[in-house]
Amino acid sequence: MSDTKHCIFCRIVAGEIPSKKIYEDEVMLAFHDINPAAPIHFLMIPKKHLVNLYDADIREQALLGKMLGMAGQLAREQGCDDGFRVVINNGRVGRQEVYHLHIHVMGGPEPLGSRGPAPLKE
């Protein structure tokens, strides 16, 4: 759903829904995932509503570059000392569940399994 008034991430950005924030600035927000797939699992979202990478073209280069550029720093601050995984799900086939662009950052003390975030329940 791309209607921003019903978008859970837009509502988190607006402060309508609480989150356990780990970073915030004028263009992005990072917070812990409420259903973690790894010991360390947080999300990075743009404050601007973009549905997914299909909506993010070259005009979003600075925003996307900043988000990916912050991933390592935030991962280290959360305890990912020996690596982490970055996942961006896009569309139905990519198993995107929330249609607001978001980056999963996952890690922990041991190597992660081969799967990313939990698959959709059918």
PDB file of N, CA and C in Angstrom:
ATOM      1  N   MET A   1       0.849  -1.175   0.000  1.00  0.00           N
ATOM      2  CA  MET A   1       0.000   0.000   0.000  1.00  0.00           C
ATOM      3  C   MET A   1       0.891   1.233   0.000  1.00  0.00           C
ATOM      4  N   SER A   2       0.681   2.133  -0.948  1.00  0.00           N
ATOM      5  CA  SER A   2       1.542   3.301  -1.043  1.00  0.00           C
ATOM      6  C   SER A   2       0.893   4.549  -0.456  1.00  0.00           C
ATOM      7  N   ASP A   3      -0.289   4.441   0.115  1.00  0.00           N
ATOM      8  CA  ASP A   3      -0.967   5.558   0.760  1.00  0.00           C
ATOM      9  C   ASP A   3      -0.226   5.888   2.049  1.00  0.00           C
ATOM     10  N   THR A   4       0.415   7.050   2.107  1.00  0.00           N
ATOM     11  CA  THR A   4       1.287   7.365   3.230  1.00  0.00           C
ATOM     12  C   THR A   4       0.550   7.469   4.560  1.00  0.00           C
ATOM     13  N   LYS A   5      -0.733   7.805   4.561  1.00  0.00           N
ATOM     14  CA  LYS A   5      -1.437   7.905   5.848  1.00  0.00           C
ATOM     15  C   LYS A   5      -1.680   6.536   6.466  1.00  0.00           C
ATOM     16  N   HIS A   6      -1.580   5.476   5.662  1.00  0.00           N
ATOM     17  CA  HIS A   6      -1.740   4.116   6.171  1.00  0.00           C
ATOM     18  C   HIS A   6      -0.418   3.357   6.235  1.00  0.00           C
ATOM     19  N   CYS A   7       0.662   3.981   5.799  1.00  0.00           N
ATOM     20  CA  CYS A   7       1.973   3.335   5.774  1.00  0.00           C
ATOM     21  C   CYS A   7       2.542   3.300   7.194  1.00  0.00           C
ATOM     22  N   ILE A   8       2.832   2.109   7.684  1.00  0.00           N
ATOM     23  CA  ILE A   8       3.339   1.978   9.058  1.00  0.00           C
ATOM     24  C   ILE A   8       4.656   2.722   9.254  1.00  0.00           C
ATOM     25  N   PHE A   9       5.529   2.711   8.253  1.00  0.00           N
ATOM     26  CA  PHE A   9       6.805   3.403   8.397  1.00  0.00           C
ATOM     27  C   PHE A   9       6.631   4.917   8.361  1.00  0.00           C
ATOM     28  N   CYS A  10       5.704   5.422   7.555  1.00  0.00           N
ATOM     29  CA  CYS A  10       5.415   6.863   7.569  1.00  0.00           C
ATOM     30  C   CYS A  10       4.840   7.264   8.924  1.00  0.00           C
ATOM     31  N   ARG A  11       4.044   6.403   9.507  1.00  0.00           N
ATOM     32  CA  ARG A  11       3.481   6.686  10.829  1.00  0.00           C
ATOM     33  C   ARG A  11       4.566   6.646  11.914  1.00  0.00           C
ATOM     34  N   ILE A  12       5.560   5.770  11.754  1.00  0.00           N
ATOM     35  CA  ILE A  12       6.699   5.757  12.689  1.00  0.00           C
ATOM     36  C   ILE A  12       7.490   7.054  12.544  1.00  0.00           C
ATOM     37  N   VAL A  13       7.755   7.478  11.303  1.00  0.00           N
ATOM     38  CA  VAL A  13       8.466   8.737  11.059  1.00  0.00           C
ATOM     39  C   VAL A  13       7.714   9.907  11.694  1.00  0.00           C
ATOM     40  N   ALA A  14       6.391   9.900  11.588  1.00  0.00           N
ATOM     41  CA  ALA A  14       5.560  10.987  12.130  1.00  0.00           C
ATOM     42  C   ALA A  14       5.440  10.932  13.652  1.00  0.00           C
ATOM     43  N   GLY A  15       5.917   9.862  14.272  1.00  0.00           N
ATOM     44  CA  GLY A  15       5.828   9.727  15.719  1.00  0.00           C
ATOM     45  C   GLY A  15       4.498   9.171  16.206  1.00  0.00           C
ATOM     46  N   GLU A  16       3.655   8.702  15.288  1.00  0.00           N
ATOM     47  CA  GLU A  16       2.353   8.143  15.653  1.00  0.00           C
ATOM     48  C   GLU A  16       2.469   6.735  16.214  1.00  0.00           C
ATOM     49  N   ILE A  17       3.502   6.034  15.803  1.00  0.00           N
ATOM     50  CA  ILE A  17       3.763   4.671  16.270  1.00  0.00           C
ATOM     51  C   ILE A  17       5.164   4.676  16.873  1.00  0.00           C
ATOM     52  N   PRO A  18       5.310   4.164  18.097  1.00  0.00           N
ATOM     53  CA  PRO A  18       6.645   4.170  18.719  1.00  0.00           C
ATOM     54  C   PRO A  18       7.592   3.169  18.050  1.00  0.00           C
ATOM     55  N   SER A  19       8.860   3.468  18.148  1.00  0.00           N
ATOM     56  CA  SER A  19       9.893   2.555  17.666  1.00  0.00           C
ATOM     57  C   SER A  19      11.095   2.697  18.580  1.00  0.00           C
ATOM     58  N   LYS A  20      11.947   1.688  18.559  1.00  0.00           N
ATOM     59  CA  LYS A  20      13.186   1.731  19.332  1.00  0.00           C
ATOM     60  C   LYS A  20      14.272   2.264  18.390  1.00  0.00           C
ATOM     61  N   LYS A  21      14.383   3.589  18.339  1.00  0.00           N
ATOM     62  CA  LYS A  21      15.280   4.264  17.408  1.00  0.00           C
ATOM     63  C   LYS A  21      16.737   4.073  17.792  1.00  0.00           C
ATOM     64  N   ILE A  22      17.560   3.923  16.749  1.00  0.00           N
ATOM     65  CA  ILE A  22      18.999   3.897  16.981  1.00  0.00           C
ATOM     66  C   ILE A  22      19.701   5.056  16.274  1.00  0.00           C
ATOM     67  N   TYR A  23      19.001   5.686  15.309  1.00  0.00           N
ATOM     68  CA  TYR A  23      19.577   6.827  14.608  1.00  0.00           C
ATOM     69  C   TYR A  23      18.446   7.586  13.918  1.00  0.00           C
ATOM     70  N   GLU A  24      18.590   8.907  13.898  1.00  0.00           N
ATOM     71  CA  GLU A  24      17.635   9.733  13.164  1.00  0.00           C
ATOM     72  C   GLU A  24      18.310  11.022  12.757  1.00  0.00           C
ATOM     73  N   ASP A  25      18.037  11.446  11.535  1.00  0.00           N
ATOM     74  CA  ASP A  25      18.450  12.767  11.079  1.00  0.00           C
ATOM     75  C   ASP A  25      17.331  13.315  10.202  1.00  0.00           C
ATOM     76  N   GLU A  26      17.611  14.338   9.423  1.00  0.00           N
ATOM     77  CA  GLU A  26      16.553  14.991   8.640  1.00  0.00           C
ATOM     78  C   GLU A  26      16.018  14.139   7.492  1.00  0.00           C
ATOM     79  N   VAL A  27      16.754  13.124   7.029  1.00  0.00           N
ATOM     80  CA  VAL A  27      16.313  12.357   5.857  1.00  0.00           C
ATOM     81  C   VAL A  27      16.097  10.869   6.111  1.00  0.00           C
ATOM     82  N   MET A  28      16.582  10.342   7.235  1.00  0.00           N
ATOM     83  CA  MET A  28      16.462   8.903   7.462  1.00  0.00           C
ATOM     84  C   MET A  28      16.263   8.588   8.939  1.00  0.00           C
ATOM     85  N   LEU A  29      15.795   7.367   9.163  1.00  0.00           N
ATOM     86  CA  LEU A  29      15.548   6.867  10.505  1.00  0.00           C
ATOM     87  C   LEU A  29      15.986   5.410  10.544  1.00  0.00           C
ATOM     88  N   ALA A  30      16.611   4.998  11.630  1.00  0.00           N
ATOM     89  CA  ALA A  30      16.989   3.600  11.832  1.00  0.00           C
ATOM     90  C   ALA A  30      16.428   3.155  13.179  1.00  0.00           C
ATOM     91  N   PHE A  31      15.849   1.958  13.203  1.00  0.00           N
ATOM     92  CA  PHE A  31      15.229   1.451  14.420  1.00  0.00           C
ATOM     93  C   PHE A  31      15.252  -0.073  14.420  1.00  0.00           C
ATOM     94  N   HIS A  32      15.134  -0.658  15.601  1.00  0.00           N
ATOM     95  CA  HIS A  32      15.151  -2.106  15.741  1.00  0.00           C
ATOM     96  C   HIS A  32      13.918  -2.729  15.102  1.00  0.00           C
ATOM     97  N   ASP A  33      14.112  -3.855  14.430  1.00  0.00           N
ATOM     98  CA  ASP A  33      13.013  -4.611  13.838  1.00  0.00           C
ATOM     99  C   ASP A  33      12.193  -5.241  14.959  1.00  0.00           C
ATOM    100  N   ILE A  34      10.867  -5.193  14.852  1.00  0.00           N
ATOM    101  CA  ILE A  34      10.022  -5.770  15.906  1.00  0.00           C
ATOM    102  C   ILE A  34       9.910  -7.285  15.801  1.00  0.00           C
ATOM    103  N   ASN A  35      10.339  -7.842  14.679  1.00  0.00           N
ATOM    104  CA  ASN A  35      10.321  -9.296  14.483  1.00  0.00           C
ATOM    105  C   ASN A  35      11.692  -9.716  13.955  1.00  0.00           C
ATOM    106  N   PRO A  36      12.728  -9.649  14.794  1.00  0.00           N
ATOM    107  CA  PRO A  36      14.094  -9.849  14.298  1.00  0.00           C
ATOM    108  C   PRO A  36      14.353 -11.258  13.766  1.00  0.00           C
ATOM    109  N   ALA A  37      15.107 -11.295  12.667  1.00  0.00           N
ATOM    110  CA  ALA A  37      15.507 -12.559  12.047  1.00  0.00           C
ATOM    111  C   ALA A  37      16.957 -12.902  12.397  1.00  0.00           C
ATOM    112  N   ALA A  38      17.579 -12.092  13.251  1.00  0.00           N
ATOM    113  CA  ALA A  38      18.967 -12.288  13.677  1.00  0.00           C
ATOM    114  C   ALA A  38      19.125 -11.622  15.045  1.00  0.00           C
ATOM    115  N   PRO A  39      20.177 -11.984  15.787  1.00  0.00           N
ATOM    116  CA  PRO A  39      20.378 -11.350  17.095  1.00  0.00           C
ATOM    117  C   PRO A  39      20.438  -9.820  17.028  1.00  0.00           C
ATOM    118  N   ILE A  40      21.034  -9.299  15.978  1.00  0.00           N
ATOM    119  CA  ILE A  40      21.023  -7.859  15.719  1.00  0.00           C
ATOM    120  C   ILE A  40      20.266  -7.681  14.412  1.00  0.00           C
ATOM    121  N   HIS A  41      19.189  -6.916  14.457  1.00  0.00           N
ATOM    122  CA  HIS A  41      18.370  -6.714  13.256  1.00  0.00           C
ATOM    123  C   HIS A  41      17.684  -5.359  13.390  1.00  0.00           C
ATOM    124  N   PHE A  42      18.100  -4.441  12.543  1.00  0.00           N
ATOM    125  CA  PHE A  42      17.440  -3.133  12.531  1.00  0.00           C
ATOM    126  C   PHE A  42      17.126  -2.734  11.104  1.00  0.00           C
ATOM    127  N   LEU A  43      16.257  -1.752  10.986  1.00  0.00           N
ATOM    128  CA  LEU A  43      15.820  -1.247   9.688  1.00  0.00           C
ATOM    129  C   LEU A  43      16.300   0.178   9.525  1.00  0.00           C
ATOM    130  N   MET A  44      16.609   0.525   8.297  1.00  0.00           N
ATOM    131  CA  MET A  44      16.937   1.895   7.928  1.00  0.00           C
ATOM    132  C   MET A  44      15.912   2.318   6.890  1.00  0.00           C
ATOM    133  N   ILE A  45      15.235   3.446   7.125  1.00  0.00           N
ATOM    134  CA  ILE A  45      14.215   3.903   6.181  1.00  0.00           C
ATOM    135  C   ILE A  45      14.440   5.370   5.836  1.00  0.00           C
ATOM    136  N   PRO A  46      14.074   5.750   4.611  1.00  0.00           N
ATOM    137  CA  PRO A  46      14.062   7.178   4.307  1.00  0.00           C
ATOM    138  C   PRO A  46      12.821   7.787   4.941  1.00  0.00           C
ATOM    139  N   LYS A  47      12.914   9.008   5.387  1.00  0.00           N
ATOM    140  CA  LYS A  47      11.725   9.680   5.916  1.00  0.00           C
ATOM    141  C   LYS A  47      10.741   9.984   4.787  1.00  0.00           C
ATOM    142  N   LYS A  48      11.267  10.216   3.613  1.00  0.00           N
ATOM    143  CA  LYS A  48      10.443  10.429   2.427  1.00  0.00           C
ATOM    144  C   LYS A  48       9.837   9.080   2.029  1.00  0.00           C
ATOM    145  N   HIS A  49       8.565   9.064   1.709  1.00  0.00           N
ATOM    146  CA  HIS A  49       7.926   7.805   1.315  1.00  0.00           C
ATOM    147  C   HIS A  49       8.338   7.430  -0.108  1.00  0.00           C
ATOM    148  N   LEU A  50       9.081   6.358  -0.208  1.00  0.00           N
ATOM    149  CA  LEU A  50       9.401   5.714  -1.483  1.00  0.00           C
ATOM    150  C   LEU A  50       8.923   4.288  -1.333  1.00  0.00           C
ATOM    151  N   VAL A  51       8.173   3.783  -2.288  1.00  0.00           N
ATOM    152  CA  VAL A  51       7.615   2.441  -2.173  1.00  0.00           C
ATOM    153  C   VAL A  51       8.721   1.398  -2.125  1.00  0.00           C
ATOM    154  N   ASN A  52       9.655   1.450  -3.055  1.00  0.00           N
ATOM    155  CA  ASN A  52      10.779   0.516  -3.094  1.00  0.00           C
ATOM    156  C   ASN A  52      11.798   1.038  -4.097  1.00  0.00           C
ATOM    157  N   LEU A  53      12.734   0.200  -4.489  1.00  0.00           N
ATOM    158  CA  LEU A  53      13.782   0.662  -5.410  1.00  0.00           C
ATOM    159  C   LEU A  53      13.239   1.027  -6.788  1.00  0.00           C
ATOM    160  N   TYR A  54      12.051   0.536  -7.144  1.00  0.00           N
ATOM    161  CA  TYR A  54      11.441   0.975  -8.398  1.00  0.00           C
ATOM    162  C   TYR A  54      11.136   2.467  -8.356  1.00  0.00           C
ATOM    163  N   ASP A  55      10.793   2.991  -7.186  1.00  0.00           N
ATOM    164  CA  ASP A  55      10.497   4.417  -7.022  1.00  0.00           C
ATOM    165  C   ASP A  55      11.755   5.251  -6.849  1.00  0.00           C
ATOM    166  N   ALA A  56      12.859   4.622  -6.507  1.00  0.00           N
ATOM    167  CA  ALA A  56      14.095   5.343  -6.199  1.00  0.00           C
ATOM    168  C   ALA A  56      14.992   5.362  -7.435  1.00  0.00           C
ATOM    169  N   ASP A  57      14.954   6.458  -8.151  1.00  0.00           N
ATOM    170  CA  ASP A  57      15.809   6.573  -9.330  1.00  0.00           C
ATOM    171  C   ASP A  57      17.033   7.426  -8.989  1.00  0.00           C
ATOM    172  N   ILE A  58      17.722   7.895  -9.991  1.00  0.00           N
ATOM    173  CA  ILE A  58      18.978   8.614  -9.793  1.00  0.00           C
ATOM    174  C   ILE A  58      18.785   9.873  -8.937  1.00  0.00           C
ATOM    175  N   ARG A  59      17.564  10.406  -8.896  1.00  0.00           N
ATOM    176  CA  ARG A  59      17.306  11.587  -8.053  1.00  0.00           C
ATOM    177  C   ARG A  59      17.463  11.276  -6.572  1.00  0.00           C
ATOM    178  N   GLU A  60      17.410  10.000  -6.209  1.00  0.00           N
ATOM    179  CA  GLU A  60      17.547   9.591  -4.804  1.00  0.00           C
ATOM    180  C   GLU A  60      18.968   9.136  -4.472  1.00  0.00           C
ATOM    181  N   GLN A  61      19.916   9.425  -5.366  1.00  0.00           N
ATOM    182  CA  GLN A  61      21.289   8.965  -5.191  1.00  0.00           C
ATOM    183  C   GLN A  61      21.888   9.402  -3.856  1.00  0.00           C
ATOM    184  N   ALA A  62      21.722  10.649  -3.475  1.00  0.00           N
ATOM    185  CA  ALA A  62      22.306  11.136  -2.217  1.00  0.00           C
ATOM    186  C   ALA A  62      21.672  10.439  -1.015  1.00  0.00           C
ATOM    187  N   LEU A  63      20.358  10.285  -1.030  1.00  0.00           N
ATOM    188  CA  LEU A  63      19.655   9.631   0.071  1.00  0.00           C
ATOM    189  C   LEU A  63      20.078   8.174   0.211  1.00  0.00           C
ATOM    190  N   LEU A  64      20.046   7.430  -0.890  1.00  0.00           N
ATOM    191  CA  LEU A  64      20.417   6.016  -0.842  1.00  0.00           C
ATOM    192  C   LEU A  64      21.892   5.841  -0.494  1.00  0.00           C
ATOM    193  N   GLY A  65      22.730   6.711  -1.025  1.00  0.00           N
ATOM    194  CA  GLY A  65      24.153   6.652  -0.684  1.00  0.00           C
ATOM    195  C   GLY A  65      24.386   6.902   0.794  1.00  0.00           C
ATOM    196  N   LYS A  66      23.667   7.856   1.350  1.00  0.00           N
ATOM    197  CA  LYS A  66      23.802   8.135   2.778  1.00  0.00           C
ATOM    198  C   LYS A  66      23.353   6.935   3.595  1.00  0.00           C
ATOM    199  N   MET A  67      22.225   6.338   3.232  1.00  0.00           N
ATOM    200  CA  MET A  67      21.707   5.199   3.994  1.00  0.00           C
ATOM    201  C   MET A  67      22.696   4.038   3.967  1.00  0.00           C
ATOM    202  N   LEU A  68      23.200   3.693   2.797  1.00  0.00           N
ATOM    203  CA  LEU A  68      24.166   2.600   2.719  1.00  0.00           C
ATOM    204  C   LEU A  68      25.478   2.985   3.388  1.00  0.00           C
ATOM    205  N   GLY A  69      25.846   4.249   3.277  1.00  0.00           N
ATOM    206  CA  GLY A  69      27.064   4.714   3.923  1.00  0.00           C
ATOM    207  C   GLY A  69      26.996   4.675   5.442  1.00  0.00           C
ATOM    208  N   MET A  70      25.803   4.778   5.996  1.00  0.00           N
ATOM    209  CA  MET A  70      25.610   4.720   7.449  1.00  0.00           C
ATOM    210  C   MET A  70      25.490   3.287   7.962  1.00  0.00           C
ATOM    211  N   ALA A  71      25.243   2.329   7.089  1.00  0.00           N
ATOM    212  CA  ALA A  71      24.984   0.946   7.509  1.00  0.00           C
ATOM    213  C   ALA A  71      26.123   0.379   8.353  1.00  0.00           C
ATOM    214  N   GLY A  72      27.346   0.551   7.923  1.00  0.00           N
ATOM    215  CA  GLY A  72      28.486  -0.001   8.663  1.00  0.00           C
ATOM    216  C   GLY A  72      28.652   0.618  10.039  1.00  0.00           C
ATOM    217  N   GLN A  73      28.542   1.935  10.108  1.00  0.00           N
ATOM    218  CA  GLN A  73      28.670   2.629  11.392  1.00  0.00           C
ATOM    219  C   GLN A  73      27.586   2.158  12.363  1.00  0.00           C
ATOM    220  N   LEU A  74      26.335   2.136  11.901  1.00  0.00           N
ATOM    221  CA  LEU A  74      25.235   1.729  12.777  1.00  0.00           C
ATOM    222  C   LEU A  74      25.351   0.261  13.164  1.00  0.00           C
ATOM    223  N   ALA A  75      25.769  -0.585  12.223  1.00  0.00           N
ATOM    224  CA  ALA A  75      25.948  -2.012  12.532  1.00  0.00           C
ATOM    225  C   ALA A  75      26.999  -2.183  13.628  1.00  0.00           C
ATOM    226  N   ARG A  76      28.115  -1.489  13.507  1.00  0.00           N
ATOM    227  CA  ARG A  76      29.156  -1.573  14.558  1.00  0.00           C
ATOM    228  C   ARG A  76      28.625  -1.078  15.898  1.00  0.00           C
ATOM    229  N   GLU A  77      27.912   0.036  15.877  1.00  0.00           N
ATOM    230  CA  GLU A  77      27.368   0.584  17.122  1.00  0.00           C
ATOM    231  C   GLU A  77      26.391  -0.383  17.790  1.00  0.00           C
ATOM    232  N   GLN A  78      25.724  -1.225  16.999  1.00  0.00           N
ATOM    233  CA  GLN A  78      24.763  -2.186  17.549  1.00  0.00           C
ATOM    234  C   GLN A  78      25.417  -3.510  17.938  1.00  0.00           C
ATOM    235  N   GLY A  79      26.719  -3.659  17.656  1.00  0.00           N
ATOM    236  CA  GLY A  79      27.440  -4.852  18.083  1.00  0.00           C
ATOM    237  C   GLY A  79      27.865  -5.797  16.983  1.00  0.00           C
ATOM    238  N   CYS A  80      27.693  -5.419  15.738  1.00  0.00           N
ATOM    239  CA  CYS A  80      28.150  -6.253  14.616  1.00  0.00           C
ATOM    240  C   CYS A  80      29.639  -5.992  14.400  1.00  0.00           C
ATOM    241  N   ASP A  81      30.461  -6.755  15.108  1.00  0.00           N
ATOM    242  CA  ASP A  81      31.896  -6.532  15.070  1.00  0.00           C
ATOM    243  C   ASP A  81      32.623  -7.361  14.013  1.00  0.00           C
ATOM    244  N   ASP A  82      31.921  -8.365  13.463  1.00  0.00           N
ATOM    245  CA  ASP A  82      32.593  -9.293  12.543  1.00  0.00           C
ATOM    246  C   ASP A  82      31.778  -9.505  11.274  1.00  0.00           C
ATOM    247  N   GLY A  83      31.056  -8.486  10.850  1.00  0.00           N
ATOM    248  CA  GLY A  83      30.279  -8.574   9.627  1.00  0.00           C
ATOM    249  C   GLY A  83      28.786  -8.449   9.874  1.00  0.00           C
ATOM    250  N   PHE A  84      28.058  -8.218   8.783  1.00  0.00           N
ATOM    251  CA  PHE A  84      26.606  -8.076   8.835  1.00  0.00           C
ATOM    252  C   PHE A  84      26.047  -8.292   7.440  1.00  0.00           C
ATOM    253  N   ARG A  85      24.745  -8.474   7.372  1.00  0.00           N
ATOM    254  CA  ARG A  85      24.039  -8.660   6.097  1.00  0.00           C
ATOM    255  C   ARG A  85      23.137  -7.465   5.866  1.00  0.00           C
ATOM    256  N   VAL A  86      23.042  -7.027   4.612  1.00  0.00           N
ATOM    257  CA  VAL A  86      22.146  -5.956   4.193  1.00  0.00           C
ATOM    258  C   VAL A  86      21.169  -6.557   3.185  1.00  0.00           C
ATOM    259  N   VAL A  87      19.862  -6.354   3.422  1.00  0.00           N
ATOM    260  CA  VAL A  87      18.834  -6.896   2.539  1.00  0.00           C
ATOM    261  C   VAL A  87      17.823  -5.795   2.224  1.00  0.00           C
ATOM    262  N   ILE A  88      17.491  -5.656   0.940  1.00  0.00           N
ATOM    263  CA  ILE A  88      16.419  -4.760   0.509  1.00  0.00           C
ATOM    264  C   ILE A  88      15.449  -5.605  -0.317  1.00  0.00           C
ATOM    265  N   ASN A  89      14.264  -5.848   0.217  1.00  0.00           N
ATOM    266  CA  ASN A  89      13.241  -6.609  -0.495  1.00  0.00           C
ATOM    267  C   ASN A  89      12.438  -5.650  -1.368  1.00  0.00           C
ATOM    268  N   ASN A  90      12.134  -6.077  -2.597  1.00  0.00           N
ATOM    269  CA  ASN A  90      11.418  -5.218  -3.536  1.00  0.00           C
ATOM    270  C   ASN A  90      10.272  -5.954  -4.199  1.00  0.00           C
ATOM    271  N   GLY A  91       9.065  -5.469  -3.988  1.00  0.00           N
ATOM    272  CA  GLY A  91       7.882  -6.015  -4.635  1.00  0.00           C
ATOM    273  C   GLY A  91       7.489  -7.391  -4.125  1.00  0.00           C
ATOM    274  N   ARG A  92       6.429  -7.905  -4.701  1.00  0.00           N
ATOM    275  CA  ARG A  92       5.870  -9.193  -4.290  1.00  0.00           C
ATOM    276  C   ARG A  92       6.870 -10.329  -4.426  1.00  0.00           C
ATOM    277  N   VAL A  93       7.517 -10.420  -5.573  1.00  0.00           N
ATOM    278  CA  VAL A  93       8.463 -11.502  -5.813  1.00  0.00           C
ATOM    279  C   VAL A  93       9.663 -11.392  -4.878  1.00  0.00           C
ATOM    280  N   GLY A  94      10.060 -10.176  -4.546  1.00  0.00           N
ATOM    281  CA  GLY A  94      11.163  -9.948  -3.612  1.00  0.00           C
ATOM    282  C   GLY A  94      10.752 -10.050  -2.156  1.00  0.00           C
ATOM    283  N   ARG A  95       9.507 -10.441  -1.915  1.00  0.00           N
ATOM    284  CA  ARG A  95       8.949 -10.644  -0.566  1.00  0.00           C
ATOM    285  C   ARG A  95       8.932  -9.378   0.281  1.00  0.00           C
ATOM    286  N   GLN A  96       8.661  -8.248  -0.373  1.00  0.00           N
ATOM    287  CA  GLN A  96       8.521  -7.003   0.379  1.00  0.00           C
ATOM    288  C   GLN A  96       7.190  -7.047   1.118  1.00  0.00           C
ATOM    289  N   GLU A  97       7.220  -6.801   2.417  1.00  0.00           N
ATOM    290  CA  GLU A  97       6.011  -6.832   3.227  1.00  0.00           C
ATOM    291  C   GLU A  97       5.465  -5.439   3.500  1.00  0.00           C
ATOM    292  N   VAL A  98       6.336  -4.477   3.748  1.00  0.00           N
ATOM    293  CA  VAL A  98       5.916  -3.096   3.977  1.00  0.00           C
ATOM    294  C   VAL A  98       6.354  -2.299   2.761  1.00  0.00           C
ATOM    295  N   TYR A  99       5.399  -1.664   2.096  1.00  0.00           N
ATOM    296  CA  TYR A  99       5.697  -0.960   0.857  1.00  0.00           C
ATOM    297  C   TYR A  99       6.134   0.484   1.118  1.00  0.00           C
ATOM    298  N   HIS A 100       7.239   0.575   1.837  1.00  0.00           N
ATOM    299  CA  HIS A 100       8.003   1.800   2.070  1.00  0.00           C
ATOM    300  C   HIS A 100       9.445   1.297   2.061  1.00  0.00           C
ATOM    301  N   LEU A 101      10.257   1.827   1.174  1.00  0.00           N
ATOM    302  CA  LEU A 101      11.632   1.366   1.037  1.00  0.00           C
ATOM    303  C   LEU A 101      12.292   1.222   2.399  1.00  0.00           C
ATOM    304  N   HIS A 102      12.918   0.081   2.643  1.00  0.00           N
ATOM    305  CA  HIS A 102      13.636  -0.119   3.902  1.00  0.00           C
ATOM    306  C   HIS A 102      14.784  -1.091   3.687  1.00  0.00           C
ATOM    307  N   ILE A 103      15.814  -0.872   4.468  1.00  0.00           N
ATOM    308  CA  ILE A 103      17.012  -1.698   4.410  1.00  0.00           C
ATOM    309  C   ILE A 103      17.100  -2.468   5.717  1.00  0.00           C
ATOM    310  N   HIS A 104      17.160  -3.796   5.615  1.00  0.00           N
ATOM    311  CA  HIS A 104      17.387  -4.636   6.789  1.00  0.00           C
ATOM    312  C   HIS A 104      18.890  -4.741   7.002  1.00  0.00           C
ATOM    313  N   VAL A 105      19.351  -4.543   8.224  1.00  0.00           N
ATOM    314  CA  VAL A 105      20.747  -4.761   8.590  1.00  0.00           C
ATOM    315  C   VAL A 105      20.723  -5.806   9.695  1.00  0.00           C
ATOM    316  N   MET A 106      21.396  -6.946   9.437  1.00  0.00           N
ATOM    317  CA  MET A 106      21.339  -8.079  10.359  1.00  0.00           C
ATOM    318  C   MET A 106      22.732  -8.603  10.654  1.00  0.00           C
ATOM    319  N   GLY A 107      22.932  -9.020  11.889  1.00  0.00           N
ATOM    320  CA  GLY A 107      24.205  -9.592  12.283  1.00  0.00           C
ATOM    321  C   GLY A 107      24.089 -10.253  13.641  1.00  0.00           C
ATOM    322  N   GLY A 108      25.217 -10.586  14.182  1.00  0.00           N
ATOM    323  CA  GLY A 108      25.261 -11.218  15.491  1.00  0.00           C
ATOM    324  C   GLY A 108      26.631 -11.804  15.740  1.00  0.00           C
ATOM    325  N   PRO A 109      26.756 -12.554  16.797  1.00  0.00           N
ATOM    326  CA  PRO A 109      28.070 -13.102  17.143  1.00  0.00           C
ATOM    327  C   PRO A 109      28.503 -14.265  16.259  1.00  0.00           C
ATOM    328  N   GLU A 110      27.572 -14.938  15.613  1.00  0.00           N
ATOM    329  CA  GLU A 110      27.887 -16.100  14.765  1.00  0.00           C
ATOM    330  C   GLU A 110      27.445 -15.830  13.332  1.00  0.00           C
ATOM    331  N   PRO A 111      28.019 -16.527  12.344  1.00  0.00           N
ATOM    332  CA  PRO A 111      27.583 -16.356  10.959  1.00  0.00           C
ATOM    333  C   PRO A 111      26.083 -16.597  10.811  1.00  0.00           C
ATOM    334  N   LEU A 112      25.464 -15.787   9.974  1.00  0.00           N
ATOM    335  CA  LEU A 112      24.036 -15.912   9.728  1.00  0.00           C
ATOM    336  C   LEU A 112      23.765 -17.083   8.798  1.00  0.00           C
ATOM    337  N   GLY A 113      22.573 -17.649   8.911  1.00  0.00           N
ATOM    338  CA  GLY A 113      22.157 -18.720   8.009  1.00  0.00           C
ATOM    339  C   GLY A 113      21.966 -18.184   6.600  1.00  0.00           C
ATOM    340  N   SER A 114      21.542 -19.033   5.713  1.00  0.00           N
ATOM    341  CA  SER A 114      21.417 -18.640   4.315  1.00  0.00           C
ATOM    342  C   SER A 114      20.162 -17.820   4.040  1.00  0.00           C
ATOM    343  N   ARG A 115      19.252 -17.782   4.974  1.00  0.00           N
ATOM    344  CA  ARG A 115      18.020 -17.039   4.714  1.00  0.00           C
ATOM    345  C   ARG A 115      18.136 -15.614   5.228  1.00  0.00           C
ATOM    346  N   GLY A 116      17.342 -14.749   4.658  1.00  0.00           N
ATOM    347  CA  GLY A 116      17.253 -13.368   5.132  1.00  0.00           C
ATOM    348  C   GLY A 116      16.109 -13.265   6.107  1.00  0.00           C
ATOM    349  N   PRO A 117      15.376 -12.149   6.054  1.00  0.00           N
ATOM    350  CA  PRO A 117      14.222 -12.020   6.939  1.00  0.00           C
ATOM    351  C   PRO A 117      13.233 -13.158   6.712  1.00  0.00           C
ATOM    352  N   ALA A 118      12.474 -13.507   7.727  1.00  0.00           N
ATOM    353  CA  ALA A 118      11.543 -14.625   7.667  1.00  0.00           C
ATOM    354  C   ALA A 118      10.619 -14.501   6.466  1.00  0.00           C
ATOM    355  N   PRO A 119      10.372 -15.624   5.746  1.00  0.00           N
ATOM    356  CA  PRO A 119       9.493 -15.570   4.592  1.00  0.00           C
ATOM    357  C   PRO A 119       8.047 -15.305   5.019  1.00  0.00           C
ATOM    358  N   LEU A 120       7.268 -14.834   4.069  1.00  0.00           N
ATOM    359  CA  LEU A 120       5.853 -14.612   4.327  1.00  0.00           C
ATOM    360  C   LEU A 120       5.153 -15.911   4.666  1.00  0.00           C
ATOM    361  N   LYS A 121       4.233 -15.852   5.572  1.00  0.00           N
ATOM    362  CA  LYS A 121       3.435 -17.027   5.912  1.00  0.00           C
ATOM    363  C   LYS A 121       2.304 -17.135   4.911  1.00  0.00           C
ATOM    364  N   GLU A 122       2.089 -18.324   4.402  1.00  0.00           N
ATOM    365  CA  GLU A 122       1.036 -18.495   3.381  1.00  0.00           C
ATOM    366  C   GLU A 122      -0.141 -19.236   3.946  1.00  0.00           C
TER     367      GLU A 122
END
